[in-house]
Amino acid sequence: MNATTRLGLLGLAISLSACSALESDKINYKSATKGATLEVPPDLTQLSKESRYTVPGGVVSAAAFEAGQAQQPRSADNAAPRAIGDVRIERDGNQRWLVVNRTPDQLWEPVREFWLENGFVFTQEQPKLGILETDWAENRAKLPQDIIRSTIGKVFDSLYSTSERDKFRTRLERTANGATEIFITHRGMEEVYTSAQKDNTIWQPRPADPELETEFLRRLMLKLGVSEEQAKAATAAPVPVAAGARMATVNDAPVVQLDEGFDRAWRRVGVSLDRTGFTVEDRDRSQGVYFVRYVAPADKKEQGFFSKLFSSTPETGAPLKYRIVVRSEGNQSTVSVLNATGAPDNSANAQRIVRVLFDDLK
């Protein structure tokens, strides 16, 4: 085969790969964690150290989990799905979540297994808080499925990488009637060129993807016993528009005001904290309080929404603790920031936190 013919075949393969990538809407994170844990790009590793909302905890590999499971007998309760009637999906604006008539303790292991089966590893596991957070991973289904990859196989596949990374946080919250609300929130990163010459790249945040969150909720419904047809029908329903948000000042302190009652406001603020990467150390729904940790960057200039969360500027001081408080009267709710002692806070940090929440809630 001469050089011209080889170049022609290479061009055809590239064309086919582009079509394949455009037509594929699959999700496949499994191949990213087979064998060794997914290797996160250096910029993302650095980001996790410099992030103003850091998350402690080790990594649990899917391979280790599966090896342990193979040695354990599966109980009858785990082997058979529960009645599909105890799972439903709720929606509010672009937020969707599951309501399951089981306790968080009953759901913890099935939900944990779900993420491991989908190819993820964990950076945070807090059963008492009901929080599971995955490490950064790439969706290998977005890679072109071309002739070159199928011919050369694993060797060539290891050289392929997408320009996006995703991580997910799952939060299980007990309701007043003993059921559990399950929220899945997405955070994304993308690799972009820093110059016109395209000789250098950096990783920067990309917006949360509500459709991706919904797809994983649909898949979790299957894990919990809902049929494929019912899950598709439930997640395909039209999404109503959520009430808007506005910034205001109350008693010289910045707040976010929402035109909705406590239940919806509490839920929306919780999802917003998850999506924007806050470290939630505890929460008290009866008092309407989320306890969070925050590290302020050295650069005090006003920045965009994502720059606030993923600033690469030096950090100043140790993490500070704040309370995000939701107070409601009828169909009106106010979200404010208190310091660690519970006093109103109008500092620059409090204003930044309120701005981040407002940008996500509006």
Protein backbone atom coordinates (compact mmCIF):
# COMPACT_ATOMS: atom_id res chain seq x y z
CA MET A 1 0.00 0.00 0.00
CA ASN A 2 1.54 3.30 -1.05
CA ALA A 3 1.65 6.49 1.03
CA THR A 4 -1.15 8.16 -0.93
CA THR A 5 -3.51 5.26 -0.30
CA ARG A 6 -2.66 5.18 3.41
CA LEU A 7 -3.33 8.92 3.72
CA GLY A 8 -6.64 8.49 1.92
CA LEU A 9 -7.74 5.75 4.32
CA LEU A 10 -6.65 7.86 7.29
CA GLY A 11 -8.75 10.76 6.05
CA LEU A 12 -11.76 8.49 5.63
CA ALA A 13 -11.31 7.14 9.15
CA ILE A 14 -11.19 10.64 10.59
CA SER A 15 -14.36 11.60 8.71
CA LEU A 16 -16.17 8.52 9.98
CA SER A 17 -15.02 9.21 13.52
CA ALA A 18 -16.47 12.73 13.39
CA CYS A 19 -19.85 11.38 12.28
CA SER A 20 -19.76 8.73 14.99
CA ALA A 21 -19.00 11.28 17.68
CA LEU A 22 -21.87 13.51 16.55
CA GLU A 23 -24.38 10.66 16.43
CA SER A 24 -23.45 9.12 19.78
CA ASP A 25 -25.29 10.24 22.90
CA LYS A 26 -24.20 7.33 25.08
CA ILE A 27 -22.69 7.50 28.54
CA ASN A 28 -19.70 5.29 29.32
CA TYR A 29 -17.49 6.05 32.29
CA LYS A 30 -16.69 2.37 32.92
CA SER A 31 -13.77 2.14 30.53
CA ALA A 32 -12.15 5.09 32.27
CA THR A 33 -11.67 3.13 35.51
CA LYS A 34 -10.80 -0.39 34.35
CA GLY A 35 -7.52 -1.43 35.91
CA ALA A 36 -5.91 1.64 37.43
CA THR A 37 -7.95 4.54 38.72
CA LEU A 38 -8.59 7.25 36.12
CA GLU A 39 -5.61 9.52 35.88
CA VAL A 40 -6.79 13.11 36.34
CA PRO A 41 -4.97 15.76 34.28
CA PRO A 42 -2.32 17.70 36.23
CA ASP A 43 -4.33 20.92 36.07
CA LEU A 44 -7.31 19.21 37.69
CA THR A 45 -5.12 17.73 40.41
CA GLN A 46 -3.78 21.18 41.12
CA LEU A 47 -7.30 22.56 41.04
CA SER A 48 -8.47 20.24 43.79
CA LYS A 49 -5.67 21.53 46.02
CA GLU A 50 -6.44 25.17 45.32
CA SER A 51 -10.22 24.95 45.26
CA ARG A 52 -11.93 27.12 47.80
CA TYR A 53 -14.29 24.27 48.62
CA THR A 54 -12.08 21.29 49.39
CA VAL A 55 -13.37 17.80 50.05
CA PRO A 56 -11.49 15.40 52.37
CA GLY A 57 -11.58 11.65 51.97
CA GLY A 58 -9.89 8.75 50.23
CA VAL A 59 -10.56 6.98 46.96
CA VAL A 60 -12.34 3.66 46.72
CA SER A 61 -11.72 1.70 43.53
CA ALA A 62 -14.48 -0.16 41.73
CA ALA A 63 -12.19 -3.16 41.28
CA ALA A 64 -11.57 -3.45 45.02
CA PHE A 65 -15.27 -3.12 45.74
CA GLU A 66 -16.23 -5.80 43.22
CA ALA A 67 -13.54 -8.14 44.56
CA GLY A 68 -14.94 -7.81 48.05
CA GLN A 69 -18.50 -8.27 46.84
CA ALA A 70 -17.57 -11.50 45.05
CA GLN A 71 -16.63 -13.03 48.40
CA GLN A 72 -19.83 -12.00 50.13
CA PRO A 73 -23.15 -13.85 49.74
CA ARG A 74 -25.91 -11.64 48.41
CA SER A 75 -28.96 -11.51 50.62
CA ALA A 76 -32.42 -12.09 49.20
CA ASP A 77 -33.21 -8.44 49.91
CA ASN A 78 -30.33 -7.28 47.69
CA ALA A 79 -30.87 -9.88 44.97
CA ALA A 80 -34.45 -8.92 44.10
CA PRO A 81 -35.64 -5.40 43.28
CA ARG A 82 -38.20 -3.83 45.54
CA ALA A 83 -41.66 -2.93 44.32
CA ILE A 84 -41.42 -0.25 41.64
CA GLY A 85 -44.23 1.68 43.26
CA ASP A 86 -41.97 3.12 45.96
CA VAL A 87 -39.88 5.26 43.55
CA ARG A 88 -40.99 8.44 41.85
CA ILE A 89 -39.31 11.45 40.28
CA GLU A 90 -40.07 15.05 41.23
CA ARG A 91 -39.16 18.21 39.32
CA ASP A 92 -38.80 21.92 39.97
CA GLY A 93 -37.41 24.11 37.19
CA ASN A 94 -34.29 22.38 35.84
CA GLN A 95 -33.91 20.36 39.03
CA ARG A 96 -35.11 16.78 39.29
CA TRP A 97 -34.76 14.32 42.13
CA LEU A 98 -36.07 10.97 43.26
CA VAL A 99 -38.38 10.30 46.20
CA VAL A 100 -38.11 6.74 47.48
CA ASN A 101 -40.21 5.21 50.26
CA ARG A 102 -37.18 3.72 51.99
CA THR A 103 -34.84 5.11 54.61
CA PRO A 104 -31.40 6.57 53.74
CA ASP A 105 -29.81 3.58 55.51
CA GLN A 106 -31.65 1.16 53.22
CA LEU A 107 -30.64 3.11 50.12
CA TRP A 108 -26.99 3.83 50.92
CA GLU A 109 -25.50 0.56 49.61
CA PRO A 110 -27.67 0.30 46.45
CA VAL A 111 -26.81 3.91 45.52
CA ARG A 112 -23.13 3.32 46.27
CA GLU A 113 -23.17 0.16 44.13
CA PHE A 114 -24.85 2.13 41.34
CA TRP A 115 -21.94 4.55 40.94
CA LEU A 116 -19.35 1.79 41.16
CA GLU A 117 -21.18 -0.20 38.50
CA ASN A 118 -21.11 2.88 36.27
CA GLY A 119 -17.32 3.08 36.49
CA PHE A 120 -16.74 5.75 39.13
CA VAL A 121 -14.55 5.96 42.20
CA PHE A 122 -15.31 8.05 45.28
CA THR A 123 -13.51 10.98 46.85
CA GLN A 124 -16.12 11.44 49.57
CA GLU A 125 -18.35 8.98 51.40
CA GLN A 126 -20.33 10.26 54.39
CA PRO A 127 -23.19 7.92 55.32
CA LYS A 128 -24.25 10.10 58.26
CA LEU A 129 -24.71 13.10 55.96
CA GLY A 130 -25.94 10.96 53.09
CA ILE A 131 -23.29 12.30 50.69
CA LEU A 132 -21.38 10.42 47.99
CA GLU A 133 -19.04 12.31 45.67
CA THR A 134 -17.17 10.80 42.72
CA ASP A 135 -13.73 11.65 41.46
CA TRP A 136 -13.25 13.45 38.13
CA ALA A 137 -13.86 11.04 35.22
CA GLU A 138 -14.27 11.23 31.46
CA ASN A 139 -17.15 9.98 29.37
CA ARG A 140 -15.40 7.58 27.00
CA ALA A 141 -18.52 7.31 24.85
CA LYS A 142 -17.63 10.75 23.49
CA LEU A 143 -14.49 9.32 21.89
CA PRO A 144 -14.82 8.68 18.12
CA GLN A 145 -15.51 5.01 17.38
CA ASP A 146 -13.45 4.87 14.19
CA ILE A 147 -11.59 2.29 12.13
CA ILE A 148 -8.23 3.25 13.63
CA ARG A 149 -9.33 2.61 17.21
CA SER A 150 -11.05 -0.67 16.39
CA THR A 151 -7.97 -1.87 14.49
CA ILE A 152 -5.18 -0.83 16.83
CA GLY A 153 -7.26 -1.52 19.93
CA LYS A 154 -6.24 -0.85 23.49
CA VAL A 155 -2.79 0.53 22.70
CA PHE A 156 -4.19 3.32 20.56
CA ASP A 157 -7.22 3.77 22.83
CA SER A 158 -4.94 4.68 25.73
CA LEU A 159 -3.70 7.64 23.68
CA TYR A 160 -7.22 8.95 23.15
CA SER A 161 -8.72 11.36 25.65
CA THR A 162 -11.70 13.68 25.63
CA SER A 163 -11.38 17.34 26.55
CA GLU A 164 -13.99 17.06 29.31
CA ARG A 165 -14.13 15.70 32.84
CA ASP A 166 -17.18 15.17 35.07
CA LYS A 167 -17.85 14.52 38.71
CA PHE A 168 -21.12 13.88 40.51
CA ARG A 169 -22.41 14.38 44.02
CA THR A 170 -25.30 12.31 45.35
CA ARG A 171 -27.18 13.51 48.42
CA LEU A 172 -29.73 11.40 50.32
CA GLU A 173 -32.02 13.38 52.58
CA ARG A 174 -34.69 11.97 54.88
CA THR A 175 -38.16 13.50 54.58
CA ALA A 176 -40.65 14.14 57.39
CA ASN A 177 -42.65 11.00 56.52
CA GLY A 178 -39.63 8.69 56.59
CA ALA A 179 -38.97 8.55 52.83
CA THR A 180 -35.74 9.67 51.16
CA GLU A 181 -35.07 12.35 48.56
CA ILE A 182 -32.10 11.57 46.28
CA PHE A 183 -30.36 14.40 44.47
CA ILE A 184 -27.67 13.96 41.81
CA THR A 185 -25.69 17.05 40.82
CA HIS A 186 -23.05 17.44 38.14
CA ARG A 187 -19.89 19.52 37.92
CA GLY A 188 -17.86 19.70 34.72
CA MET A 189 -14.44 20.76 33.48
CA GLU A 190 -13.18 21.30 29.94
CA GLU A 191 -9.74 21.68 28.42
CA VAL A 192 -9.32 24.84 26.34
CA TYR A 193 -6.47 26.45 24.42
CA THR A 194 -4.87 29.51 26.00
CA SER A 195 -3.43 31.00 22.81
CA ALA A 196 -4.18 31.40 19.13
CA GLN A 197 -1.22 29.14 18.34
CA LYS A 198 -2.94 26.32 20.28
CA ASP A 199 0.33 25.33 21.91
CA ASN A 200 -0.94 25.28 25.50
CA THR A 201 -4.14 24.32 27.31
CA ILE A 202 -5.75 24.80 30.70
CA TRP A 203 -8.69 23.16 32.43
CA GLN A 204 -11.61 25.41 33.28
CA PRO A 205 -15.12 24.80 34.66
CA ARG A 206 -18.06 24.32 32.34
CA PRO A 207 -21.72 24.71 33.35
CA ALA A 208 -23.58 21.96 35.20
CA ASP A 209 -25.55 19.71 32.86
CA PRO A 210 -29.13 19.13 34.12
CA GLU A 211 -29.77 16.64 31.29
CA LEU A 212 -26.83 14.53 32.44
CA GLU A 213 -28.15 14.68 36.00
CA THR A 214 -31.55 13.50 34.75
CA GLU A 215 -30.02 10.62 32.80
CA PHE A 216 -28.26 9.31 35.89
CA LEU A 217 -31.48 9.68 37.89
CA ARG A 218 -33.22 7.60 35.23
CA ARG A 219 -30.53 4.94 35.46
CA LEU A 220 -30.73 4.96 39.25
CA MET A 221 -34.47 4.36 38.97
CA LEU A 222 -33.67 1.15 37.07
CA LYS A 223 -31.26 0.12 39.81
CA LEU A 224 -34.03 0.66 42.38
CA GLY A 225 -36.52 -1.52 40.52
CA VAL A 226 -38.33 0.74 38.04
CA SER A 227 -38.82 -0.64 34.52
CA GLU A 228 -37.08 0.95 31.54
CA GLU A 229 -40.38 2.16 30.05
CA GLN A 230 -41.58 3.73 33.31
CA ALA A 231 -38.24 5.44 33.93
CA LYS A 232 -38.18 6.94 30.43
CA ALA A 233 -41.76 8.17 30.75
CA ALA A 234 -41.11 9.71 34.17
CA THR A 235 -37.99 11.63 33.12
CA ALA A 236 -39.45 12.76 29.77
CA ALA A 237 -42.27 14.79 31.34
CA PRO A 238 -42.22 18.59 30.73
CA VAL A 239 -40.26 20.62 33.28
CA PRO A 240 -42.07 23.56 34.91
CA VAL A 241 -40.24 26.85 35.32
CA ALA A 242 -38.83 27.52 38.78
CA ALA A 243 -39.41 30.76 40.64
CA GLY A 244 -36.71 33.37 40.09
CA ALA A 245 -34.23 34.75 42.58
CA ARG A 246 -33.04 38.28 43.36
CA MET A 247 -30.31 39.79 45.47
CA ALA A 248 -31.13 42.25 48.22
CA THR A 249 -29.74 43.75 51.41
CA VAL A 250 -31.40 43.08 54.76
CA ASN A 251 -30.00 44.68 57.93
CA ASP A 252 -26.88 45.69 55.99
CA ALA A 253 -26.19 42.05 54.99
CA PRO A 254 -26.48 40.52 51.50
CA VAL A 255 -29.26 37.96 50.93
CA VAL A 256 -30.98 36.05 48.15
CA GLN A 257 -34.78 36.27 48.07
CA LEU A 258 -36.94 33.54 46.53
CA ASP A 259 -40.65 33.65 45.73
CA GLU A 260 -41.39 30.21 47.16
CA GLY A 261 -42.00 28.42 50.43
CA PHE A 262 -39.51 26.69 52.68
CA ASP A 263 -39.59 23.17 51.20
CA ARG A 264 -38.78 24.33 47.68
CA ALA A 265 -36.28 26.96 48.84
CA TRP A 266 -34.44 24.48 51.08
CA ARG A 267 -34.28 21.96 48.26
CA ARG A 268 -33.05 24.48 45.67
CA VAL A 269 -30.36 25.88 47.97
CA GLY A 270 -29.12 22.36 48.75
CA VAL A 271 -28.82 21.52 45.05
CA SER A 272 -27.10 24.85 44.40
CA LEU A 273 -24.52 24.14 47.11
CA ASP A 274 -23.88 20.73 45.56
CA ARG A 275 -23.57 22.06 42.01
CA THR A 276 -21.21 24.85 42.96
CA GLY A 277 -18.92 22.60 44.98
CA PHE A 278 -19.34 23.83 48.55
CA THR A 279 -18.15 21.49 51.27
CA VAL A 280 -21.28 20.89 53.37
CA GLU A 281 -20.15 19.68 56.78
CA ASP A 282 -23.61 19.30 58.28
CA ARG A 283 -27.20 20.43 57.83
CA ASP A 284 -30.23 20.98 60.06
CA ARG A 285 -33.45 21.13 58.08
CA SER A 286 -35.55 21.89 61.15
CA GLN A 287 -33.56 25.13 61.60
CA GLY A 288 -33.04 25.72 57.87
CA VAL A 289 -29.23 25.71 58.21
CA TYR A 290 -26.44 24.33 56.01
CA PHE A 291 -23.00 24.34 57.66
CA VAL A 292 -20.34 24.96 55.01
CA ARG A 293 -16.60 25.53 54.72
CA TYR A 294 -15.03 28.26 52.59
CA VAL A 295 -11.51 29.40 51.67
CA ALA A 296 -11.16 32.91 50.26
CA PRO A 297 -8.72 33.62 47.39
CA ALA A 298 -6.09 36.30 47.74
CA ASP A 299 -7.40 38.16 44.70
CA LYS A 300 -10.30 40.29 45.87
CA LYS A 301 -11.32 41.55 42.43
CA GLU A 302 -14.80 40.80 41.21
CA GLN A 303 -14.73 37.68 39.07
CA GLY A 304 -17.16 35.60 37.06
CA PHE A 305 -19.26 32.85 38.58
CA PHE A 306 -16.86 30.01 37.78
CA SER A 307 -13.76 32.02 38.64
CA LYS A 308 -15.16 32.46 42.12
CA LEU A 309 -15.29 28.71 42.58
CA PHE A 310 -12.11 27.62 40.84
CA SER A 311 -9.72 30.50 41.33
CA SER A 312 -6.06 29.68 40.68
CA THR A 313 -4.92 32.60 42.82
CA PRO A 314 -3.20 31.91 46.14
CA GLU A 315 -5.43 31.20 49.09
CA THR A 316 -5.32 33.21 52.25
CA GLY A 317 -5.69 31.70 55.68
CA ALA A 318 -7.39 28.53 56.85
CA PRO A 319 -10.88 27.45 55.74
CA LEU A 320 -13.61 29.56 57.31
CA LYS A 321 -16.91 28.13 58.48
CA TYR A 322 -20.23 29.69 57.60
CA ARG A 323 -23.90 28.93 57.93
CA ILE A 324 -26.22 29.22 54.93
CA VAL A 325 -29.65 29.90 56.41
CA VAL A 326 -33.05 29.56 54.73
CA ARG A 327 -35.87 31.47 56.45
CA SER A 328 -39.41 31.46 55.08
CA GLU A 329 -42.71 33.23 55.65
CA GLY A 330 -45.51 31.82 53.55
CA ASN A 331 -44.37 31.75 49.93
CA GLN A 332 -41.37 34.02 50.50
CA SER A 333 -37.92 32.78 51.50
CA THR A 334 -34.65 34.53 52.30
CA VAL A 335 -31.21 32.91 52.01
CA SER A 336 -28.52 34.55 54.13
CA VAL A 337 -24.97 33.90 55.31
CA LEU A 338 -24.04 33.77 59.00
CA ASN A 339 -20.58 33.39 60.47
CA ALA A 340 -19.43 30.40 62.54
CA THR A 341 -21.08 31.76 65.69
CA GLY A 342 -24.42 32.35 63.97
CA ALA A 343 -24.16 36.14 63.67
CA PRO A 344 -25.12 38.01 60.45
CA ASP A 345 -22.15 38.52 58.14
CA ASN A 346 -21.70 41.32 55.60
CA SER A 347 -18.02 40.70 54.87
CA ALA A 348 -16.54 40.40 51.38
CA ASN A 349 -16.57 36.61 51.75
CA ALA A 350 -20.26 36.58 52.62
CA GLN A 351 -21.01 38.76 49.60
CA ARG A 352 -19.10 36.36 47.34
CA ILE A 353 -20.98 33.36 48.72
CA VAL A 354 -24.34 35.07 48.21
CA ARG A 355 -23.34 36.01 44.66
CA VAL A 356 -22.35 32.42 43.84
CA LEU A 357 -25.69 31.12 45.14
CA PHE A 358 -27.65 33.82 43.35
CA ASP A 359 -25.94 33.09 40.01
CA ASP A 360 -26.97 29.45 40.28
CA LEU A 361 -30.49 30.08 41.62
CA LYS A 362 -31.55 32.85 39.24
